[in-house]
Amino acid sequence: MGLVSGSSVHARSFLHDLYSRVVGFFGGEVPTYSLLMERATMESTANLMDMAKKKGADAVINVRIDNSATSDPTSGVFFYSHAYGTAVKLEKYQIDTTEQFPKFKQTT
């Protein structure tokens, strides 16, 4: 069926960025950014699945997710998530076990 993908870009408000910089200064996990990255990843994956459904796919295989972030003092922090994979249509097969070397037979 072919390549399918989904992407998402998320940002936080200035106040979240300010809080995160204070936490980052002292060290430790920045929960607002962890949540932001999780949401961006979930949304890009959902977009990937929507695209696959529109193509009539039953499944997506070999899924990859790329995440990145940018930051500057003026516009704040942005998280980018891009998910991509191969959409496939599944077919039903039955194994013929009556022979010495089983064979797969396609069923409808």
PDB file of N, CA and C in Angstrom:
ATOM      1  N   MET A   1       0.825  -1.184   0.000  1.00  0.00           N
ATOM      2  CA  MET A   1       0.000   0.000   0.000  1.00  0.00           C
ATOM      3  C   MET A   1       0.871   1.251   0.000  1.00  0.00           C
ATOM      4  N   GLY A   2       1.983   1.201   0.749  1.00  0.00           N
ATOM      5  CA  GLY A   2       2.900   2.324   0.670  1.00  0.00           C
ATOM      6  C   GLY A   2       3.163   3.050   1.971  1.00  0.00           C
ATOM      7  N   LEU A   3       3.937   4.095   1.845  1.00  0.00           N
ATOM      8  CA  LEU A   3       4.373   4.897   2.984  1.00  0.00           C
ATOM      9  C   LEU A   3       3.223   5.738   3.524  1.00  0.00           C
ATOM     10  N   VAL A   4       3.110   5.778   4.839  1.00  0.00           N
ATOM     11  CA  VAL A   4       2.171   6.668   5.518  1.00  0.00           C
ATOM     12  C   VAL A   4       2.943   7.409   6.602  1.00  0.00           C
ATOM     13  N   SER A   5       2.481   8.604   6.921  1.00  0.00           N
ATOM     14  CA  SER A   5       3.179   9.381   7.944  1.00  0.00           C
ATOM     15  C   SER A   5       2.211  10.300   8.673  1.00  0.00           C
ATOM     16  N   GLY A   6       2.647  10.778   9.791  1.00  0.00           N
ATOM     17  CA  GLY A   6       1.890  11.747  10.569  1.00  0.00           C
ATOM     18  C   GLY A   6       2.879  12.603  11.336  1.00  0.00           C
ATOM     19  N   SER A   7       2.534  13.858  11.514  1.00  0.00           N
ATOM     20  CA  SER A   7       3.448  14.739  12.251  1.00  0.00           C
ATOM     21  C   SER A   7       2.669  15.663  13.168  1.00  0.00           C
ATOM     22  N   SER A   8       3.387  16.245  14.098  1.00  0.00           N
ATOM     23  CA  SER A   8       2.779  17.141  15.064  1.00  0.00           C
ATOM     24  C   SER A   8       3.855  18.079  15.621  1.00  0.00           C
ATOM     25  N   VAL A   9       3.467  19.313  15.853  1.00  0.00           N
ATOM     26  CA  VAL A   9       4.364  20.298  16.472  1.00  0.00           C
ATOM     27  C   VAL A   9       3.625  20.893  17.663  1.00  0.00           C
ATOM     28  N   HIS A  10       4.271  20.884  18.809  1.00  0.00           N
ATOM     29  CA  HIS A  10       3.637  21.408  20.028  1.00  0.00           C
ATOM     30  C   HIS A  10       4.545  22.432  20.694  1.00  0.00           C
ATOM     31  N   ALA A  11       3.920  23.400  21.345  1.00  0.00           N
ATOM     32  CA  ALA A  11       4.655  24.431  22.080  1.00  0.00           C
ATOM     33  C   ALA A  11       3.926  24.721  23.384  1.00  0.00           C
ATOM     34  N   ARG A  12       4.624  25.301  24.324  1.00  0.00           N
ATOM     35  CA  ARG A  12       4.053  25.701  25.608  1.00  0.00           C
ATOM     36  C   ARG A  12       4.035  27.225  25.691  1.00  0.00           C
ATOM     37  N   SER A  13       3.337  27.712  26.676  1.00  0.00           N
ATOM     38  CA  SER A  13       3.261  29.151  26.873  1.00  0.00           C
ATOM     39  C   SER A  13       4.571  29.685  27.460  1.00  0.00           C
ATOM     40  N   PHE A  14       4.707  30.970  27.444  1.00  0.00           N
ATOM     41  CA  PHE A  14       5.893  31.637  27.978  1.00  0.00           C
ATOM     42  C   PHE A  14       6.111  31.290  29.451  1.00  0.00           C
ATOM     43  N   LEU A  15       5.023  31.232  30.222  1.00  0.00           N
ATOM     44  CA  LEU A  15       5.155  30.937  31.654  1.00  0.00           C
ATOM     45  C   LEU A  15       5.677  29.519  31.888  1.00  0.00           C
ATOM     46  N   HIS A  16       5.233  28.555  31.072  1.00  0.00           N
ATOM     47  CA  HIS A  16       5.761  27.196  31.194  1.00  0.00           C
ATOM     48  C   HIS A  16       7.253  27.171  30.852  1.00  0.00           C
ATOM     49  N   ASP A  17       7.620  27.917  29.802  1.00  0.00           N
ATOM     50  CA  ASP A  17       9.036  27.966  29.428  1.00  0.00           C
ATOM     51  C   ASP A  17       9.873  28.575  30.554  1.00  0.00           C
ATOM     52  N   LEU A  18       9.377  29.627  31.183  1.00  0.00           N
ATOM     53  CA  LEU A  18      10.096  30.269  32.279  1.00  0.00           C
ATOM     54  C   LEU A  18      10.265  29.301  33.453  1.00  0.00           C
ATOM     55  N   TYR A  19       9.190  28.618  33.833  1.00  0.00           N
ATOM     56  CA  TYR A  19       9.247  27.629  34.903  1.00  0.00           C
ATOM     57  C   TYR A  19      10.245  26.521  34.552  1.00  0.00           C
ATOM     58  N   SER A  20      10.209  26.051  33.318  1.00  0.00           N
ATOM     59  CA  SER A  20      11.094  24.965  32.889  1.00  0.00           C
ATOM     60  C   SER A  20      12.554  25.385  32.912  1.00  0.00           C
ATOM     61  N   ARG A  21      12.826  26.642  32.608  1.00  0.00           N
ATOM     62  CA  ARG A  21      14.210  27.126  32.657  1.00  0.00           C
ATOM     63  C   ARG A  21      14.725  27.164  34.094  1.00  0.00           C
ATOM     64  N   VAL A  22      13.857  27.513  35.025  1.00  0.00           N
ATOM     65  CA  VAL A  22      14.250  27.526  36.436  1.00  0.00           C
ATOM     66  C   VAL A  22      14.540  26.097  36.902  1.00  0.00           C
ATOM     67  N   VAL A  23      13.657  25.163  36.550  1.00  0.00           N
ATOM     68  CA  VAL A  23      13.874  23.755  36.912  1.00  0.00           C
ATOM     69  C   VAL A  23      15.147  23.242  36.253  1.00  0.00           C
ATOM     70  N   GLY A  24      15.349  23.587  34.996  1.00  0.00           N
ATOM     71  CA  GLY A  24      16.540  23.154  34.275  1.00  0.00           C
ATOM     72  C   GLY A  24      17.823  23.707  34.868  1.00  0.00           C
ATOM     73  N   PHE A  25      17.756  24.894  35.400  1.00  0.00           N
ATOM     74  CA  PHE A  25      18.928  25.512  36.017  1.00  0.00           C
ATOM     75  C   PHE A  25      19.401  24.706  37.232  1.00  0.00           C
ATOM     76  N   PHE A  26      18.450  24.213  38.013  1.00  0.00           N
ATOM     77  CA  PHE A  26      18.792  23.460  39.217  1.00  0.00           C
ATOM     78  C   PHE A  26      18.929  21.961  38.957  1.00  0.00           C
ATOM     79  N   GLY A  27      18.526  21.521  37.783  1.00  0.00           N
ATOM     80  CA  GLY A  27      18.635  20.103  37.422  1.00  0.00           C
ATOM     81  C   GLY A  27      17.367  19.334  37.734  1.00  0.00           C
ATOM     82  N   GLY A  28      17.209  18.213  37.080  1.00  0.00           N
ATOM     83  CA  GLY A  28      16.045  17.362  37.302  1.00  0.00           C
ATOM     84  C   GLY A  28      15.139  17.320  36.073  1.00  0.00           C
ATOM     85  N   GLU A  29      14.120  16.491  36.167  1.00  0.00           N
ATOM     86  CA  GLU A  29      13.178  16.347  35.058  1.00  0.00           C
ATOM     87  C   GLU A  29      12.295  17.576  34.963  1.00  0.00           C
ATOM     88  N   VAL A  30      11.972  17.950  33.733  1.00  0.00           N
ATOM     89  CA  VAL A  30      11.065  19.066  33.485  1.00  0.00           C
ATOM     90  C   VAL A  30       9.727  18.462  33.048  1.00  0.00           C
ATOM     91  N   PRO A  31       8.783  18.275  33.995  1.00  0.00           N
ATOM     92  CA  PRO A  31       7.557  17.559  33.690  1.00  0.00           C
ATOM     93  C   PRO A  31       6.715  18.195  32.587  1.00  0.00           C
ATOM     94  N   THR A  32       6.726  19.525  32.491  1.00  0.00           N
ATOM     95  CA  THR A  32       5.916  20.154  31.443  1.00  0.00           C
ATOM     96  C   THR A  32       6.432  19.780  30.051  1.00  0.00           C
ATOM     97  N   TYR A  33       7.740  19.645  29.901  1.00  0.00           N
ATOM     98  CA  TYR A  33       8.291  19.259  28.605  1.00  0.00           C
ATOM     99  C   TYR A  33       8.120  17.769  28.336  1.00  0.00           C
ATOM    100  N   SER A  34       8.178  16.955  29.384  1.00  0.00           N
ATOM    101  CA  SER A  34       7.935  15.520  29.219  1.00  0.00           C
ATOM    102  C   SER A  34       6.523  15.291  28.692  1.00  0.00           C
ATOM    103  N   LEU A  35       5.561  15.970  29.284  1.00  0.00           N
ATOM    104  CA  LEU A  35       4.174  15.855  28.852  1.00  0.00           C
ATOM    105  C   LEU A  35       3.994  16.382  27.427  1.00  0.00           C
ATOM    106  N   LEU A  36       4.671  17.471  27.129  1.00  0.00           N
ATOM    107  CA  LEU A  36       4.581  18.066  25.793  1.00  0.00           C
ATOM    108  C   LEU A  36       5.103  17.099  24.728  1.00  0.00           C
ATOM    109  N   MET A  37       6.230  16.469  24.998  1.00  0.00           N
ATOM    110  CA  MET A  37       6.793  15.521  24.045  1.00  0.00           C
ATOM    111  C   MET A  37       5.890  14.293  23.899  1.00  0.00           C
ATOM    112  N   GLU A  38       5.330  13.822  25.004  1.00  0.00           N
ATOM    113  CA  GLU A  38       4.422  12.669  24.958  1.00  0.00           C
ATOM    114  C   GLU A  38       3.191  12.991  24.107  1.00  0.00           C
ATOM    115  N   ARG A  39       2.613  14.162  24.299  1.00  0.00           N
ATOM    116  CA  ARG A  39       1.429  14.551  23.519  1.00  0.00           C
ATOM    117  C   ARG A  39       1.753  14.685  22.029  1.00  0.00           C
ATOM    118  N   ALA A  40       2.893  15.268  21.716  1.00  0.00           N
ATOM    119  CA  ALA A  40       3.288  15.412  20.312  1.00  0.00           C
ATOM    120  C   ALA A  40       3.477  14.046  19.660  1.00  0.00           C
ATOM    121  N   THR A  41       4.087  13.114  20.391  1.00  0.00           N
ATOM    122  CA  THR A  41       4.311  11.765  19.867  1.00  0.00           C
ATOM    123  C   THR A  41       2.984  11.034  19.665  1.00  0.00           C
ATOM    124  N   MET A  42       2.081  11.137  20.631  1.00  0.00           N
ATOM    125  CA  MET A  42       0.782  10.481  20.508  1.00  0.00           C
ATOM    126  C   MET A  42      -0.018  11.056  19.342  1.00  0.00           C
ATOM    127  N   GLU A  43       0.043  12.364  19.159  1.00  0.00           N
ATOM    128  CA  GLU A  43      -0.706  12.995  18.069  1.00  0.00           C
ATOM    129  C   GLU A  43      -0.132  12.620  16.703  1.00  0.00           C
ATOM    130  N   SER A  44       1.185  12.563  16.575  1.00  0.00           N
ATOM    131  CA  SER A  44       1.770  12.183  15.285  1.00  0.00           C
ATOM    132  C   SER A  44       1.444  10.725  14.965  1.00  0.00           C
ATOM    133  N   THR A  45       1.409   9.862  15.989  1.00  0.00           N
ATOM    134  CA  THR A  45       1.045   8.461  15.776  1.00  0.00           C
ATOM    135  C   THR A  45      -0.426   8.342  15.377  1.00  0.00           C
ATOM    136  N   ALA A  46      -1.298   9.116  16.009  1.00  0.00           N
ATOM    137  CA  ALA A  46      -2.720   9.111  15.643  1.00  0.00           C
ATOM    138  C   ALA A  46      -2.907   9.597  14.199  1.00  0.00           C
ATOM    139  N   ASN A  47      -2.147  10.620  13.811  1.00  0.00           N
ATOM    140  CA  ASN A  47      -2.218  11.110  12.430  1.00  0.00           C
ATOM    141  C   ASN A  47      -1.741  10.051  11.433  1.00  0.00           C
ATOM    142  N   LEU A  48      -0.718   9.301  11.821  1.00  0.00           N
ATOM    143  CA  LEU A  48      -0.222   8.189  11.004  1.00  0.00           C
ATOM    144  C   LEU A  48      -1.324   7.149  10.803  1.00  0.00           C
ATOM    145  N   MET A  49      -1.999   6.772  11.883  1.00  0.00           N
ATOM    146  CA  MET A  49      -3.059   5.776  11.784  1.00  0.00           C
ATOM    147  C   MET A  49      -4.235   6.278  10.953  1.00  0.00           C
ATOM    148  N   ASP A  50      -4.564   7.560  11.072  1.00  0.00           N
ATOM    149  CA  ASP A  50      -5.640   8.138  10.251  1.00  0.00           C
ATOM    150  C   ASP A  50      -5.308   8.055   8.767  1.00  0.00           C
ATOM    151  N   MET A  51      -4.073   8.372   8.425  1.00  0.00           N
ATOM    152  CA  MET A  51      -3.659   8.305   7.021  1.00  0.00           C
ATOM    153  C   MET A  51      -3.732   6.865   6.503  1.00  0.00           C
ATOM    154  N   ALA A  52      -3.330   5.908   7.341  1.00  0.00           N
ATOM    155  CA  ALA A  52      -3.382   4.492   6.948  1.00  0.00           C
ATOM    156  C   ALA A  52      -4.827   4.048   6.727  1.00  0.00           C
ATOM    157  N   LYS A  53      -5.733   4.466   7.608  1.00  0.00           N
ATOM    158  CA  LYS A  53      -7.148   4.111   7.457  1.00  0.00           C
ATOM    159  C   LYS A  53      -7.725   4.687   6.164  1.00  0.00           C
ATOM    160  N   LYS A  54      -7.351   5.924   5.845  1.00  0.00           N
ATOM    161  CA  LYS A  54      -7.839   6.550   4.608  1.00  0.00           C
ATOM    162  C   LYS A  54      -7.369   5.795   3.368  1.00  0.00           C
ATOM    163  N   LYS A  55      -6.207   5.161   3.456  1.00  0.00           N
ATOM    164  CA  LYS A  55      -5.686   4.367   2.338  1.00  0.00           C
ATOM    165  C   LYS A  55      -6.280   2.964   2.302  1.00  0.00           C
ATOM    166  N   GLY A  56      -7.052   2.597   3.347  1.00  0.00           N
ATOM    167  CA  GLY A  56      -7.656   1.276   3.403  1.00  0.00           C
ATOM    168  C   GLY A  56      -6.746   0.206   3.980  1.00  0.00           C
ATOM    169  N   ALA A  57      -5.750   0.598   4.728  1.00  0.00           N
ATOM    170  CA  ALA A  57      -4.795  -0.357   5.302  1.00  0.00           C
ATOM    171  C   ALA A  57      -5.376  -1.023   6.545  1.00  0.00           C
ATOM    172  N   ASP A  58      -4.919  -2.246   6.784  1.00  0.00           N
ATOM    173  CA  ASP A  58      -5.298  -2.973   7.994  1.00  0.00           C
ATOM    174  C   ASP A  58      -4.269  -2.791   9.101  1.00  0.00           C
ATOM    175  N   ALA A  59      -3.038  -2.479   8.729  1.00  0.00           N
ATOM    176  CA  ALA A  59      -1.959  -2.350   9.707  1.00  0.00           C
ATOM    177  C   ALA A  59      -0.854  -1.467   9.142  1.00  0.00           C
ATOM    178  N   VAL A  60       0.007  -1.011  10.040  1.00  0.00           N
ATOM    179  CA  VAL A  60       1.204  -0.270   9.641  1.00  0.00           C
ATOM    180  C   VAL A  60       2.393  -1.001  10.250  1.00  0.00           C
ATOM    181  N   ILE A  61       3.375  -1.327   9.418  1.00  0.00           N
ATOM    182  CA  ILE A  61       4.554  -2.046   9.895  1.00  0.00           C
ATOM    183  C   ILE A  61       5.790  -1.158   9.782  1.00  0.00           C
ATOM    184  N   ASN A  62       6.829  -1.560  10.483  1.00  0.00           N
ATOM    185  CA  ASN A  62       8.115  -0.856  10.444  1.00  0.00           C
ATOM    186  C   ASN A  62       7.963   0.622  10.809  1.00  0.00           C
ATOM    187  N   VAL A  63       7.224   0.878  11.877  1.00  0.00           N
ATOM    188  CA  VAL A  63       6.951   2.263  12.290  1.00  0.00           C
ATOM    189  C   VAL A  63       8.190   2.863  12.952  1.00  0.00           C
ATOM    190  N   ARG A  64       8.492   4.080  12.567  1.00  0.00           N
ATOM    191  CA  ARG A  64       9.594   4.851  13.151  1.00  0.00           C
ATOM    192  C   ARG A  64       9.019   6.182  13.646  1.00  0.00           C
ATOM    193  N   ILE A  65       9.560   6.662  14.752  1.00  0.00           N
ATOM    194  CA  ILE A  65       9.139   7.960  15.286  1.00  0.00           C
ATOM    195  C   ILE A  65      10.384   8.796  15.535  1.00  0.00           C
ATOM    196  N   ASP A  66      10.417   9.971  14.937  1.00  0.00           N
ATOM    197  CA  ASP A  66      11.520  10.912  15.138  1.00  0.00           C
ATOM    198  C   ASP A  66      10.997  12.086  15.950  1.00  0.00           C
ATOM    199  N   ASN A  67      11.684  12.404  17.030  1.00  0.00           N
ATOM    200  CA  ASN A  67      11.329  13.550  17.866  1.00  0.00           C
ATOM    201  C   ASN A  67      12.506  14.516  17.921  1.00  0.00           C
ATOM    202  N   SER A  68      12.185  15.782  17.903  1.00  0.00           N
ATOM    203  CA  SER A  68      13.231  16.790  18.068  1.00  0.00           C
ATOM    204  C   SER A  68      12.620  18.032  18.716  1.00  0.00           C
ATOM    205  N   ALA A  69      13.484  18.919  19.134  1.00  0.00           N
ATOM    206  CA  ALA A  69      13.026  20.149  19.785  1.00  0.00           C
ATOM    207  C   ALA A  69      13.922  21.304  19.378  1.00  0.00           C
ATOM    208  N   THR A  70      13.327  22.484  19.331  1.00  0.00           N
ATOM    209  CA  THR A  70      14.096  23.702  19.099  1.00  0.00           C
ATOM    210  C   THR A  70      13.723  24.706  20.186  1.00  0.00           C
ATOM    211  N   SER A  71      14.642  25.603  20.433  1.00  0.00           N
ATOM    212  CA  SER A  71      14.399  26.602  21.465  1.00  0.00           C
ATOM    213  C   SER A  71      15.127  27.892  21.109  1.00  0.00           C
ATOM    214  N   ASP A  72      14.439  28.985  21.316  1.00  0.00           N
ATOM    215  CA  ASP A  72      15.105  30.284  21.238  1.00  0.00           C
ATOM    216  C   ASP A  72      14.420  31.229  22.217  1.00  0.00           C
ATOM    217  N   PRO A  73      15.113  32.266  22.647  1.00  0.00           N
ATOM    218  CA  PRO A  73      14.565  33.152  23.684  1.00  0.00           C
ATOM    219  C   PRO A  73      13.272  33.861  23.282  1.00  0.00           C
ATOM    220  N   THR A  74      13.065  34.085  21.991  1.00  0.00           N
ATOM    221  CA  THR A  74      11.904  34.847  21.543  1.00  0.00           C
ATOM    222  C   THR A  74      10.647  33.997  21.440  1.00  0.00           C
ATOM    223  N   SER A  75      10.746  32.856  20.759  1.00  0.00           N
ATOM    224  CA  SER A  75       9.538  32.071  20.497  1.00  0.00           C
ATOM    225  C   SER A  75       9.358  30.882  21.426  1.00  0.00           C
ATOM    226  N   GLY A  76      10.308  30.568  22.268  1.00  0.00           N
ATOM    227  CA  GLY A  76      10.164  29.482  23.220  1.00  0.00           C
ATOM    228  C   GLY A  76      10.597  28.143  22.666  1.00  0.00           C
ATOM    229  N   VAL A  77      10.041  27.087  23.250  1.00  0.00           N
ATOM    230  CA  VAL A  77      10.424  25.724  22.893  1.00  0.00           C
ATOM    231  C   VAL A  77       9.334  25.090  22.036  1.00  0.00           C
ATOM    232  N   PHE A  78       9.761  24.417  20.974  1.00  0.00           N
ATOM    233  CA  PHE A  78       8.847  23.677  20.107  1.00  0.00           C
ATOM    234  C   PHE A  78       9.311  22.224  20.046  1.00  0.00           C
ATOM    235  N   PHE A  79       8.368  21.298  20.179  1.00  0.00           N
ATOM    236  CA  PHE A  79       8.646  19.870  20.019  1.00  0.00           C
ATOM    237  C   PHE A  79       8.041  19.397  18.721  1.00  0.00           C
ATOM    238  N   TYR A  80       8.849  18.689  17.944  1.00  0.00           N
ATOM    239  CA  TYR A  80       8.417  18.155  16.658  1.00  0.00           C
ATOM    240  C   TYR A  80       8.415  16.631  16.748  1.00  0.00           C
ATOM    241  N   SER A  81       7.346  16.027  16.263  1.00  0.00           N
ATOM    242  CA  SER A  81       7.278  14.573  16.235  1.00  0.00           C
ATOM    243  C   SER A  81       6.793  14.149  14.859  1.00  0.00           C
ATOM    244  N   HIS A  82       7.503  13.200  14.263  1.00  0.00           N
ATOM    245  CA  HIS A  82       7.134  12.687  12.943  1.00  0.00           C
ATOM    246  C   HIS A  82       7.147  11.160  13.006  1.00  0.00           C
ATOM    247  N   ALA A  83       5.999  10.551  12.718  1.00  0.00           N
ATOM    248  CA  ALA A  83       5.878   9.090  12.709  1.00  0.00           C
ATOM    249  C   ALA A  83       5.663   8.643  11.270  1.00  0.00           C
ATOM    250  N   TYR A  84       6.343   7.563  10.873  1.00  0.00           N
ATOM    251  CA  TYR A  84       6.152   7.046   9.514  1.00  0.00           C
ATOM    252  C   TYR A  84       6.346   5.542   9.495  1.00  0.00           C
ATOM    253  N   GLY A  85       5.724   4.909   8.518  1.00  0.00           N
ATOM    254  CA  GLY A  85       5.800   3.465   8.395  1.00  0.00           C
ATOM    255  C   GLY A  85       5.195   3.017   7.073  1.00  0.00           C
ATOM    256  N   THR A  86       5.045   1.714   6.911  1.00  0.00           N
ATOM    257  CA  THR A  86       4.510   1.140   5.684  1.00  0.00           C
ATOM    258  C   THR A  86       3.109   0.590   5.950  1.00  0.00           C
ATOM    259  N   ALA A  87       2.127   1.105   5.223  1.00  0.00           N
ATOM    260  CA  ALA A  87       0.752   0.631   5.346  1.00  0.00           C
ATOM    261  C   ALA A  87       0.611  -0.672   4.563  1.00  0.00           C
ATOM    262  N   VAL A  88      -0.066  -1.650   5.169  1.00  0.00           N
ATOM    263  CA  VAL A  88      -0.249  -2.951   4.516  1.00  0.00           C
ATOM    264  C   VAL A  88      -1.704  -3.399   4.625  1.00  0.00           C
ATOM    265  N   LYS A  89      -2.111  -4.221   3.685  1.00  0.00           N
ATOM    266  CA  LYS A  89      -3.421  -4.861   3.693  1.00  0.00           C
ATOM    267  C   LYS A  89      -3.175  -6.330   4.012  1.00  0.00           C
ATOM    268  N   LEU A  90      -3.812  -6.831   5.049  1.00  0.00           N
ATOM    269  CA  LEU A  90      -3.601  -8.201   5.480  1.00  0.00           C
ATOM    270  C   LEU A  90      -4.441  -9.169   4.657  1.00  0.00           C
ATOM    271  N   GLU A  91      -3.888 -10.352   4.416  1.00  0.00           N
ATOM    272  CA  GLU A  91      -4.607 -11.408   3.703  1.00  0.00           C
ATOM    273  C   GLU A  91      -4.680 -12.628   4.609  1.00  0.00           C
ATOM    274  N   LYS A  92      -5.756 -13.387   4.483  1.00  0.00           N
ATOM    275  CA  LYS A  92      -5.929 -14.579   5.294  1.00  0.00           C
ATOM    276  C   LYS A  92      -5.329 -15.787   4.590  1.00  0.00           C
ATOM    277  N   TYR A  93      -4.598 -16.586   5.366  1.00  0.00           N
ATOM    278  CA  TYR A  93      -3.998 -17.820   4.848  1.00  0.00           C
ATOM    279  C   TYR A  93      -4.336 -18.964   5.787  1.00  0.00           C
ATOM    280  N   GLN A  94      -4.388 -20.158   5.211  1.00  0.00           N
ATOM    281  CA  GLN A  94      -4.634 -21.360   5.987  1.00  0.00           C
ATOM    282  C   GLN A  94      -3.474 -22.317   5.737  1.00  0.00           C
ATOM    283  N   ILE A  95      -3.027 -23.012   6.777  1.00  0.00           N
ATOM    284  CA  ILE A  95      -1.918 -23.948   6.623  1.00  0.00           C
ATOM    285  C   ILE A  95      -2.473 -25.342   6.342  1.00  0.00           C
ATOM    286  N   ASP A  96      -2.006 -25.941   5.252  1.00  0.00           N
ATOM    287  CA  ASP A  96      -2.392 -27.305   4.901  1.00  0.00           C
ATOM    288  C   ASP A  96      -1.416 -28.253   5.585  1.00  0.00           C
ATOM    289  N   THR A  97      -1.853 -28.908   6.653  1.00  0.00           N
ATOM    290  CA  THR A  97      -0.969 -29.776   7.443  1.00  0.00           C
ATOM    291  C   THR A  97      -1.060 -31.240   7.035  1.00  0.00           C
ATOM    292  N   THR A  98      -1.806 -31.524   5.980  1.00  0.00           N
ATOM    293  CA  THR A  98      -1.941 -32.920   5.556  1.00  0.00           C
ATOM    294  C   THR A  98      -0.723 -33.401   4.780  1.00  0.00           C
ATOM    295  N   GLU A  99       0.099 -32.491   4.318  1.00  0.00           N
ATOM    296  CA  GLU A  99       1.289 -32.872   3.547  1.00  0.00           C
ATOM    297  C   GLU A  99       2.524 -32.870   4.451  1.00  0.00           C
ATOM    298  N   GLN A 100       3.599 -33.512   3.970  1.00  0.00           N
ATOM    299  CA  GLN A 100       4.832 -33.594   4.752  1.00  0.00           C
ATOM    300  C   GLN A 100       5.423 -32.199   4.993  1.00  0.00           C
ATOM    301  N   PHE A 101       5.393 -31.363   3.970  1.00  0.00           N
ATOM    302  CA  PHE A 101       5.866 -29.985   4.081  1.00  0.00           C
ATOM    303  C   PHE A 101       4.645 -29.076   3.963  1.00  0.00           C
ATOM    304  N   PRO A 102       4.162 -28.536   5.074  1.00  0.00           N
ATOM    305  CA  PRO A 102       2.926 -27.721   5.045  1.00  0.00           C
ATOM    306  C   PRO A 102       3.039 -26.564   4.053  1.00  0.00           C
ATOM    307  N   LYS A 103       1.910 -26.272   3.424  1.00  0.00           N
ATOM    308  CA  LYS A 103       1.835 -25.178   2.465  1.00  0.00           C
ATOM    309  C   LYS A 103       0.784 -24.169   2.944  1.00  0.00           C
ATOM    310  N   PHE A 104       0.997 -22.955   2.586  1.00  0.00           N
ATOM    311  CA  PHE A 104       0.038 -21.911   2.903  1.00  0.00           C
ATOM    312  C   PHE A 104      -0.916 -21.761   1.736  1.00  0.00           C
ATOM    313  N   LYS A 105      -2.213 -21.732   2.034  1.00  0.00           N
ATOM    314  CA  LYS A 105      -3.237 -21.533   1.007  1.00  0.00           C
ATOM    315  C   LYS A 105      -4.009 -20.269   1.366  1.00  0.00           C
ATOM    316  N   GLN A 106      -4.164 -19.401   0.393  1.00  0.00           N
ATOM    317  CA  GLN A 106      -4.879 -18.163   0.611  1.00  0.00           C
ATOM    318  C   GLN A 106      -6.369 -18.453   0.720  1.00  0.00           C
ATOM    319  N   THR A 107      -7.017 -17.845   1.692  1.00  0.00           N
ATOM    320  CA  THR A 107      -8.463 -17.989   1.866  1.00  0.00           C
ATOM    321  C   THR A 107      -9.120 -16.662   1.595  1.00  0.00           C
ATOM    322  N   THR A 108     -10.400 -16.711   1.316  1.00  0.00           N
ATOM    323  CA  THR A 108     -11.129 -15.458   1.054  1.00  0.00           C
ATOM    324  C   THR A 108     -12.128 -15.192   2.140  1.00  0.00           C
TER     325      THR A 108
END
